[in-house]
PDB file of N, CA and C in Angstrom:
ATOM      1  N   MET A   1      24.192  14.344  -2.873  1.00  0.00           N
ATOM      2  CA  MET A   1      22.957  14.024  -3.562  1.00  0.00           C
ATOM      3  C   MET A   1      22.176  13.003  -2.741  1.00  0.00           C
ATOM      4  N   VAL A   2      20.870  13.152  -2.689  1.00  0.00           N
ATOM      5  CA  VAL A   2      19.999  12.245  -1.951  1.00  0.00           C
ATOM      6  C   VAL A   2      19.648  11.068  -2.842  1.00  0.00           C
ATOM      7  N   LEU A   3      19.709   9.867  -2.276  1.00  0.00           N
ATOM      8  CA  LEU A   3      19.346   8.683  -3.045  1.00  0.00           C
ATOM      9  C   LEU A   3      17.887   8.753  -3.446  1.00  0.00           C
ATOM     10  N   GLY A   4      17.596   8.391  -4.671  1.00  0.00           N
ATOM     11  CA  GLY A   4      16.225   8.379  -5.138  1.00  0.00           C
ATOM     12  C   GLY A   4      15.744   9.720  -5.659  1.00  0.00           C
ATOM     13  N   CYS A   5      16.536  10.755  -5.566  1.00  0.00           N
ATOM     14  CA  CYS A   5      16.154  12.070  -6.066  1.00  0.00           C
ATOM     15  C   CYS A   5      17.170  12.519  -7.103  1.00  0.00           C
ATOM     16  N   SER A   6      16.677  13.064  -8.182  1.00  0.00           N
ATOM     17  CA  SER A   6      17.609  13.616  -9.156  1.00  0.00           C
ATOM     18  C   SER A   6      18.137  14.936  -8.612  1.00  0.00           C
ATOM     19  N   SER A   7      19.235  15.389  -9.160  1.00  0.00           N
ATOM     20  CA  SER A   7      19.812  16.635  -8.663  1.00  0.00           C
ATOM     21  C   SER A   7      18.866  17.804  -8.890  1.00  0.00           C
ATOM     22  N   SER A   8      18.082  17.772  -9.972  1.00  0.00           N
ATOM     23  CA  SER A   8      17.147  18.870 -10.206  1.00  0.00           C
ATOM     24  C   SER A   8      16.028  18.858  -9.170  1.00  0.00           C
ATOM     25  N   THR A   9      15.581  17.673  -8.759  1.00  0.00           N
ATOM     26  CA  THR A   9      14.553  17.582  -7.720  1.00  0.00           C
ATOM     27  C   THR A   9      15.106  18.094  -6.403  1.00  0.00           C
ATOM     28  N   TRP A  10      16.310  17.692  -6.072  1.00  0.00           N
ATOM     29  CA  TRP A  10      16.932  18.094  -4.814  1.00  0.00           C
ATOM     30  C   TRP A  10      17.042  19.614  -4.722  1.00  0.00           C
ATOM     31  N   HIS A  11      17.408  20.258  -5.804  1.00  0.00           N
ATOM     32  CA  HIS A  11      17.586  21.710  -5.789  1.00  0.00           C
ATOM     33  C   HIS A  11      16.258  22.446  -5.708  1.00  0.00           C
ATOM     34  N   ASN A  12      15.164  21.783  -6.056  1.00  0.00           N
ATOM     35  CA  ASN A  12      13.858  22.435  -6.012  1.00  0.00           C
ATOM     36  C   ASN A  12      13.199  22.360  -4.638  1.00  0.00           C
ATOM     37  N   LEU A  13      13.819  21.659  -3.683  1.00  0.00           N
ATOM     38  CA  LEU A  13      13.244  21.571  -2.347  1.00  0.00           C
ATOM     39  C   LEU A  13      13.342  22.927  -1.656  1.00  0.00           C
ATOM     40  N   PRO A  14      12.317  23.259  -0.866  1.00  0.00           N
ATOM     41  CA  PRO A  14      12.378  24.534  -0.133  1.00  0.00           C
ATOM     42  C   PRO A  14      13.568  24.546   0.822  1.00  0.00           C
ATOM     43  N   ASP A  15      14.182  25.711   0.963  1.00  0.00           N
ATOM     44  CA  ASP A  15      15.341  25.847   1.840  1.00  0.00           C
ATOM     45  C   ASP A  15      14.985  25.583   3.296  1.00  0.00           C
ATOM     46  N   THR A  16      13.720  25.728   3.651  1.00  0.00           N
ATOM     47  CA  THR A  16      13.315  25.568   5.045  1.00  0.00           C
ATOM     48  C   THR A  16      13.272  24.105   5.476  1.00  0.00           C
ATOM     49  N   GLN A  17      13.294  23.168   4.539  1.00  0.00           N
ATOM     50  CA  GLN A  17      13.257  21.751   4.904  1.00  0.00           C
ATOM     51  C   GLN A  17      14.658  21.274   5.253  1.00  0.00           C
ATOM     52  N   THR A  18      14.840  20.962   6.510  1.00  0.00           N
ATOM     53  CA  THR A  18      16.137  20.474   6.958  1.00  0.00           C
ATOM     54  C   THR A  18      16.229  18.979   6.717  1.00  0.00           C
ATOM     55  N   HIS A  19      17.418  18.481   6.892  1.00  0.00           N
ATOM     56  CA  HIS A  19      17.657  17.050   6.724  1.00  0.00           C
ATOM     57  C   HIS A  19      16.762  16.243   7.661  1.00  0.00           C
ATOM     58  N   SER A  20      16.667  16.648   8.915  1.00  0.00           N
ATOM     59  CA  SER A  20      15.850  15.898   9.880  1.00  0.00           C
ATOM     60  C   SER A  20      14.368  15.968   9.527  1.00  0.00           C
ATOM     61  N   GLU A  21      13.911  17.099   9.003  1.00  0.00           N
ATOM     62  CA  GLU A  21      12.511  17.207   8.580  1.00  0.00           C
ATOM     63  C   GLU A  21      12.225  16.263   7.420  1.00  0.00           C
ATOM     64  N   LEU A  22      13.178  16.154   6.515  1.00  0.00           N
ATOM     65  CA  LEU A  22      13.006  15.232   5.391  1.00  0.00           C
ATOM     66  C   LEU A  22      13.002  13.786   5.872  1.00  0.00           C
ATOM     67  N   GLU A  23      13.854  13.475   6.852  1.00  0.00           N
ATOM     68  CA  GLU A  23      13.867  12.121   7.415  1.00  0.00           C
ATOM     69  C   GLU A  23      12.545  11.800   8.093  1.00  0.00           C
ATOM     70  N   ILE A  24      11.999  12.760   8.818  1.00  0.00           N
ATOM     71  CA  ILE A  24      10.708  12.559   9.480  1.00  0.00           C
ATOM     72  C   ILE A  24       9.616  12.343   8.439  1.00  0.00           C
ATOM     73  N   ALA A  25       9.630  13.156   7.394  1.00  0.00           N
ATOM     74  CA  ALA A  25       8.636  13.003   6.331  1.00  0.00           C
ATOM     75  C   ALA A  25       8.761  11.634   5.667  1.00  0.00           C
ATOM     76  N   LEU A  26       9.994  11.189   5.450  1.00  0.00           N
ATOM     77  CA  LEU A  26      10.216   9.872   4.858  1.00  0.00           C
ATOM     78  C   LEU A  26       9.719   8.771   5.783  1.00  0.00           C
ATOM     79  N   ASP A  27       9.992   8.892   7.071  1.00  0.00           N
ATOM     80  CA  ASP A  27       9.499   7.911   8.045  1.00  0.00           C
ATOM     81  C   ASP A  27       7.976   7.836   8.024  1.00  0.00           C
ATOM     82  N   HIS A  28       7.321   8.989   7.965  1.00  0.00           N
ATOM     83  CA  HIS A  28       5.857   9.014   7.919  1.00  0.00           C
ATOM     84  C   HIS A  28       5.351   8.368   6.633  1.00  0.00           C
ATOM     85  N   ALA A  29       6.003   8.670   5.529  1.00  0.00           N
ATOM     86  CA  ALA A  29       5.596   8.079   4.252  1.00  0.00           C
ATOM     87  C   ALA A  29       5.792   6.567   4.266  1.00  0.00           C
ATOM     88  N   ASN A  30       6.896   6.111   4.848  1.00  0.00           N
ATOM     89  CA  ASN A  30       7.147   4.668   4.935  1.00  0.00           C
ATOM     90  C   ASN A  30       6.105   3.979   5.812  1.00  0.00           C
ATOM     91  N   LYS A  31       5.722   4.610   6.912  1.00  0.00           N
ATOM     92  CA  LYS A  31       4.695   4.026   7.780  1.00  0.00           C
ATOM     93  C   LYS A  31       3.357   3.977   7.057  1.00  0.00           C
ATOM     94  N   ALA A  32       3.014   5.046   6.367  1.00  0.00           N
ATOM     95  CA  ALA A  32       1.756   5.063   5.616  1.00  0.00           C
ATOM     96  C   ALA A  32       1.761   3.976   4.548  1.00  0.00           C
ATOM     97  N   ASN A  33       2.900   3.783   3.903  1.00  0.00           N
ATOM     98  CA  ASN A  33       3.021   2.739   2.887  1.00  0.00           C
ATOM     99  C   ASN A  33       2.857   1.357   3.512  1.00  0.00           C
ATOM    100  N   ALA A  34       3.487   1.132   4.651  1.00  0.00           N
ATOM    101  CA  ALA A  34       3.367  -0.163   5.333  1.00  0.00           C
ATOM    102  C   ALA A  34       1.918  -0.421   5.741  1.00  0.00           C
ATOM    103  N   ASP A  35       1.255   0.608   6.249  1.00  0.00           N
ATOM    104  CA  ASP A  35      -0.158   0.468   6.618  1.00  0.00           C
ATOM    105  C   ASP A  35      -1.011   0.142   5.393  1.00  0.00           C
ATOM    106  N   ALA A  36      -0.737   0.811   4.289  1.00  0.00           N
ATOM    107  CA  ALA A  36      -1.485   0.552   3.056  1.00  0.00           C
ATOM    108  C   ALA A  36      -1.256  -0.873   2.567  1.00  0.00           C
ATOM    109  N   GLN A  37      -0.024  -1.365   2.665  1.00  0.00           N
ATOM    110  CA  GLN A  37       0.279  -2.736   2.251  1.00  0.00           C
ATOM    111  C   GLN A  37      -0.472  -3.743   3.117  1.00  0.00           C
ATOM    112  N   LYS A  38      -0.550  -3.486   4.422  1.00  0.00           N
ATOM    113  CA  LYS A  38      -1.303  -4.372   5.314  1.00  0.00           C
ATOM    114  C   LYS A  38      -2.782  -4.380   4.937  1.00  0.00           C
ATOM    115  N   THR A  39      -3.315  -3.210   4.636  1.00  0.00           N
ATOM    116  CA  THR A  39      -4.720  -3.111   4.240  1.00  0.00           C
ATOM    117  C   THR A  39      -4.965  -3.873   2.948  1.00  0.00           C
ATOM    118  N   ILE A  40      -4.065  -3.737   1.989  1.00  0.00           N
ATOM    119  CA  ILE A  40      -4.192  -4.454   0.719  1.00  0.00           C
ATOM    120  C   ILE A  40      -4.191  -5.958   0.958  1.00  0.00           C
ATOM    121  N   LYS A  41      -3.283  -6.432   1.792  1.00  0.00           N
ATOM    122  CA  LYS A  41      -3.229  -7.871   2.089  1.00  0.00           C
ATOM    123  C   LYS A  41      -4.518  -8.343   2.748  1.00  0.00           C
ATOM    124  N   ARG A  42      -5.057  -7.530   3.653  1.00  0.00           N
ATOM    125  CA  ARG A  42      -6.311  -7.891   4.316  1.00  0.00           C
ATOM    126  C   ARG A  42      -7.450  -7.961   3.294  1.00  0.00           C
ATOM    127  N   TYR A  43      -7.513  -6.994   2.388  1.00  0.00           N
ATOM    128  CA  TYR A  43      -8.539  -7.012   1.336  1.00  0.00           C
ATOM    129  C   TYR A  43      -8.374  -8.223   0.425  1.00  0.00           C
ATOM    130  N   GLN A  44      -7.134  -8.558   0.084  1.00  0.00           N
ATOM    131  CA  GLN A  44      -6.894  -9.722  -0.766  1.00  0.00           C
ATOM    132  C   GLN A  44      -7.391 -11.000  -0.098  1.00  0.00           C
ATOM    133  N   GLU A  45      -7.159 -11.127   1.194  1.00  0.00           N
ATOM    134  CA  GLU A  45      -7.632 -12.305   1.926  1.00  0.00           C
ATOM    135  C   GLU A  45      -9.157 -12.340   1.957  1.00  0.00           C
ATOM    136  N   GLN A  46      -9.785 -11.199   2.171  1.00  0.00           N
ATOM    137  CA  GLN A  46     -11.246 -11.141   2.167  1.00  0.00           C
ATOM    138  C   GLN A  46     -11.798 -11.528   0.801  1.00  0.00           C
ATOM    139  N   ILE A  47     -11.148 -11.075  -0.258  1.00  0.00           N
ATOM    140  CA  ILE A  47     -11.576 -11.427  -1.615  1.00  0.00           C
ATOM    141  C   ILE A  47     -11.458 -12.924  -1.832  1.00  0.00           C
ATOM    142  N   ARG A  48     -10.335 -13.523  -1.401  1.00  0.00           N
ATOM    143  CA  ARG A  48     -10.159 -14.976  -1.536  1.00  0.00           C
ATOM    144  C   ARG A  48     -11.270 -15.732  -0.805  1.00  0.00           C
ATOM    145  N   GLU A  49     -11.573 -15.292   0.414  1.00  0.00           N
ATOM    146  CA  GLU A  49     -12.623 -15.948   1.193  1.00  0.00           C
ATOM    147  C   GLU A  49     -13.979 -15.827   0.507  1.00  0.00           C
ATOM    148  N   LEU A  50     -14.286 -14.652  -0.016  1.00  0.00           N
ATOM    149  CA  LEU A  50     -15.559 -14.455  -0.704  1.00  0.00           C
ATOM    150  C   LEU A  50     -15.630 -15.272  -1.994  1.00  0.00           C
ATOM    151  N   GLN A  51     -14.507 -15.376  -2.712  1.00  0.00           N
ATOM    152  CA  GLN A  51     -14.485 -16.194  -3.922  1.00  0.00           C
ATOM    153  C   GLN A  51     -14.768 -17.655  -3.591  1.00  0.00           C
ATOM    154  N   LEU A  52     -14.180 -18.156  -2.506  1.00  0.00           N
ATOM    155  CA  LEU A  52     -14.441 -19.535  -2.089  1.00  0.00           C
ATOM    156  C   LEU A  52     -15.906 -19.721  -1.708  1.00  0.00           C
ATOM    157  N   GLN A  53     -16.453 -18.744  -1.028  1.00  0.00           N
ATOM    158  CA  GLN A  53     -17.859 -18.812  -0.635  1.00  0.00           C
ATOM    159  C   GLN A  53     -18.759 -18.846  -1.875  1.00  0.00           C
ATOM    160  N   ILE A  54     -18.466 -18.016  -2.858  1.00  0.00           N
ATOM    161  CA  ILE A  54     -19.241 -17.996  -4.100  1.00  0.00           C
ATOM    162  C   ILE A  54     -19.144 -19.337  -4.809  1.00  0.00           C
ATOM    163  N   GLU A  55     -17.934 -19.883  -4.891  1.00  0.00           N
ATOM    164  CA  GLU A  55     -17.754 -21.183  -5.543  1.00  0.00           C
ATOM    165  C   GLU A  55     -18.556 -22.266  -4.831  1.00  0.00           C
ATOM    166  N   ASP A  56     -18.540 -22.258  -3.507  1.00  0.00           N
ATOM    167  CA  ASP A  56     -19.315 -23.240  -2.740  1.00  0.00           C
ATOM    168  C   ASP A  56     -20.809 -23.095  -3.014  1.00  0.00           C
ATOM    169  N   GLU A  57     -21.286 -21.865  -3.024  1.00  0.00           N
ATOM    170  CA  GLU A  57     -22.706 -21.625  -3.277  1.00  0.00           C
ATOM    171  C   GLU A  57     -23.086 -22.036  -4.695  1.00  0.00           C
ATOM    172  N   GLN A  58     -22.195 -21.803  -5.659  1.00  0.00           N
ATOM    173  CA  GLN A  58     -22.475 -22.217  -7.037  1.00  0.00           C
ATOM    174  C   GLN A  58     -22.550 -23.738  -7.140  1.00  0.00           C
ATOM    175  N   ARG A  59     -21.644 -24.437  -6.450  1.00  0.00           N
ATOM    176  CA  ARG A  59     -21.674 -25.904  -6.458  1.00  0.00           C
ATOM    177  C   ARG A  59     -22.965 -26.427  -5.832  1.00  0.00           C
ATOM    178  N   GLN A  60     -23.364 -25.811  -4.726  1.00  0.00           N
ATOM    179  CA  GLN A  60     -24.606 -26.229  -4.072  1.00  0.00           C
ATOM    180  C   GLN A  60     -25.806 -26.002  -4.987  1.00  0.00           C
ATOM    181  N   LYS A  61     -25.803 -24.890  -5.685  1.00  0.00           N
ATOM    182  CA  LYS A  61     -26.897 -24.576  -6.607  1.00  0.00           C
ATOM    183  C   LYS A  61     -26.929 -25.588  -7.748  1.00  0.00           C
ATOM    184  N   GLU A  62     -25.758 -25.947  -8.279  1.00  0.00           N
ATOM    185  CA  GLU A  62     -25.683 -26.925  -9.364  1.00  0.00           C
ATOM    186  C   GLU A  62     -26.152 -28.298  -8.896  1.00  0.00           C
ATOM    187  N   ASP A  63     -25.880 -28.635  -7.646  1.00  0.00           N
ATOM    188  CA  ASP A  63     -26.304 -29.926  -7.105  1.00  0.00           C
ATOM    189  C   ASP A  63     -27.822 -30.015  -7.004  1.00  0.00           C
ATOM    190  N   LEU A  64     -28.484 -28.883  -6.851  1.00  0.00           N
ATOM    191  CA  LEU A  64     -29.938 -28.866  -6.739  1.00  0.00           C
ATOM    192  C   LEU A  64     -30.622 -29.023  -8.092  1.00  0.00           C
ATOM    193  N   VAL A  65     -29.914 -28.705  -9.144  1.00  0.00           N
ATOM    194  CA  VAL A  65     -30.515 -28.740 -10.487  1.00  0.00           C
ATOM    195  C   VAL A  65     -30.550 -30.127 -11.047  1.00  0.00           C
TER     196      VAL A  65
END
């Protein structure tokens, strides 16, 4: 049995998918996931920077009033 797959899922896989093909597919999925996580972290940092910029601009605006 493959870890992370139920026996019913395992039996539904096409017979043409070999073990090495599944490993390659898993490697590709893991790389795509890692890339997505990096992108998310980059977006989170950009959001933090923009939030700080907004807060600074709001403080400056309040100081003018």
